[in-house]
Structure formats: structure tokens, C-alpha cells
Amino acid sequence: MTIRPIRNDDDLKKVFRRLEKIFQAEEGSTPQADEHDVLVTLVEAYENKHYDFGAADPVEAIKFRMEQEGLTPRDLEP
């Protein structure tokens, strides 16, 4: 396992590809689980530094989730 800093979006894509391969790594003190934890931490640090997502608007979040589920405001009445 060679861990490198994420310096740009290309590096980020490589890390995502690697995470896809080890996504279901056995939890605990396995090399893949350790690698997964470290890579997730690096991704979070990179995204926090380079992408300002800001706080989600609660109403928009509800509308988005309703759209995902195919729900309408009428479905919330019961």
C-alpha cells in the first residue's frame, strides 16, 4: 500500500477508483481496512479544502429526497 497526498482532481479520481476496489474490505485491523480509512480521510481533507459545498438548505434537501423517492407533497399529508 503506497499512500500519496491528493494534489488534484486526477489524484482524487484515482483514489475513488481504488476505494471502489476495497469498498467492502473486512473491518478491523486488516491492511485493506486501514488503507480504506486513510484514503477516506484524505478525500475528506481534499474536498474540504477545494470544494465549498456550504450548508444544505433543509427544505431543498427534503424536496431532493422526495424527488429521489418519486414522492409528491400529497404523499406527506397522512
Protein backbone atom coordinates (compact mmCIF):
# COMPACT_ATOMS: atom_id res chain seq x y z
CA MET A 1 0.00 0.00 0.00
CA THR A 2 1.52 3.27 -1.14
CA ILE A 3 -0.44 6.27 0.09
CA ARG A 4 0.19 9.61 -1.57
CA PRO A 5 -1.37 13.03 -0.99
CA ILE A 6 -4.30 14.06 -3.16
CA ARG A 7 -3.00 17.11 -5.00
CA ASN A 8 -5.53 17.50 -7.83
CA ASP A 9 -8.75 16.11 -9.25
CA ASP A 10 -6.90 13.43 -11.22
CA ASP A 11 -5.41 12.13 -7.98
CA LEU A 12 -8.88 12.25 -6.45
CA LYS A 13 -10.29 10.12 -9.28
CA LYS A 14 -7.53 7.55 -8.77
CA VAL A 15 -8.35 7.36 -5.07
CA PHE A 16 -12.05 6.88 -5.84
CA ARG A 17 -11.18 4.02 -8.22
CA ARG A 18 -9.08 2.40 -5.52
CA LEU A 19 -11.82 2.87 -2.93
CA GLU A 20 -14.26 1.09 -5.25
CA LYS A 21 -11.94 -1.93 -5.25
CA ILE A 22 -11.56 -2.08 -1.47
CA PHE A 23 -15.00 -0.76 -0.53
CA GLN A 24 -16.09 -3.98 1.13
CA ALA A 25 -12.81 -4.64 2.90
CA GLU A 26 -13.15 -6.64 6.07
CA GLU A 27 -13.35 -4.26 9.00
CA GLY A 28 -10.76 -4.36 11.73
CA SER A 29 -7.03 -4.30 11.53
CA THR A 30 -6.61 -5.61 8.00
CA PRO A 31 -4.33 -3.83 5.54
CA GLN A 32 -7.28 -3.09 3.22
CA ALA A 33 -9.41 -1.70 6.06
CA ASP A 34 -6.52 0.52 7.15
CA GLU A 35 -5.99 1.69 3.56
CA HIS A 36 -9.71 2.42 3.23
CA ASP A 37 -9.72 4.54 6.40
CA VAL A 38 -6.66 6.53 5.34
CA LEU A 39 -7.98 7.15 1.81
CA VAL A 40 -11.36 8.31 3.08
CA THR A 41 -9.61 10.74 5.43
CA LEU A 42 -7.50 12.08 2.54
CA VAL A 43 -10.59 12.52 0.34
CA GLU A 44 -12.42 14.40 3.09
CA ALA A 45 -9.45 16.72 3.64
CA TYR A 46 -9.06 17.40 -0.09
CA GLU A 47 -12.77 18.06 -0.63
CA ASN A 48 -13.00 20.34 2.43
CA LYS A 49 -10.08 22.36 1.13
CA HIS A 50 -11.08 22.58 -2.55
CA TYR A 51 -14.87 22.40 -2.63
CA ASP A 52 -17.15 24.61 -0.58
CA PHE A 53 -20.46 22.78 -0.54
CA GLY A 54 -21.84 25.01 2.18
CA ALA A 55 -24.67 24.06 4.46
CA ALA A 56 -27.62 22.32 2.86
CA ASP A 57 -30.96 24.12 2.86
CA PRO A 58 -33.26 21.79 4.84
CA VAL A 59 -36.28 22.44 2.61
CA GLU A 60 -34.28 21.81 -0.56
CA ALA A 61 -32.87 18.63 0.99
CA ILE A 62 -36.39 17.37 1.67
CA LYS A 63 -37.51 18.24 -1.86
CA PHE A 64 -34.48 16.48 -3.33
CA ARG A 65 -35.13 13.33 -1.29
CA MET A 66 -38.81 13.38 -2.24
CA GLU A 67 -37.84 13.62 -5.90
CA GLN A 68 -35.49 10.66 -5.50
CA GLU A 69 -38.30 8.59 -4.00
CA GLY A 70 -40.90 9.77 -6.51
CA LEU A 71 -42.98 11.40 -3.79
CA THR A 72 -45.26 14.42 -4.08
CA PRO A 73 -46.37 16.88 -1.37
CA ARG A 74 -49.66 14.96 -1.34
CA ASP A 75 -47.76 11.88 -0.11
CA LEU A 76 -46.77 13.77 3.05
CA GLU A 77 -50.35 14.51 4.12
CA PRO A 78 -51.03 11.25 6.00
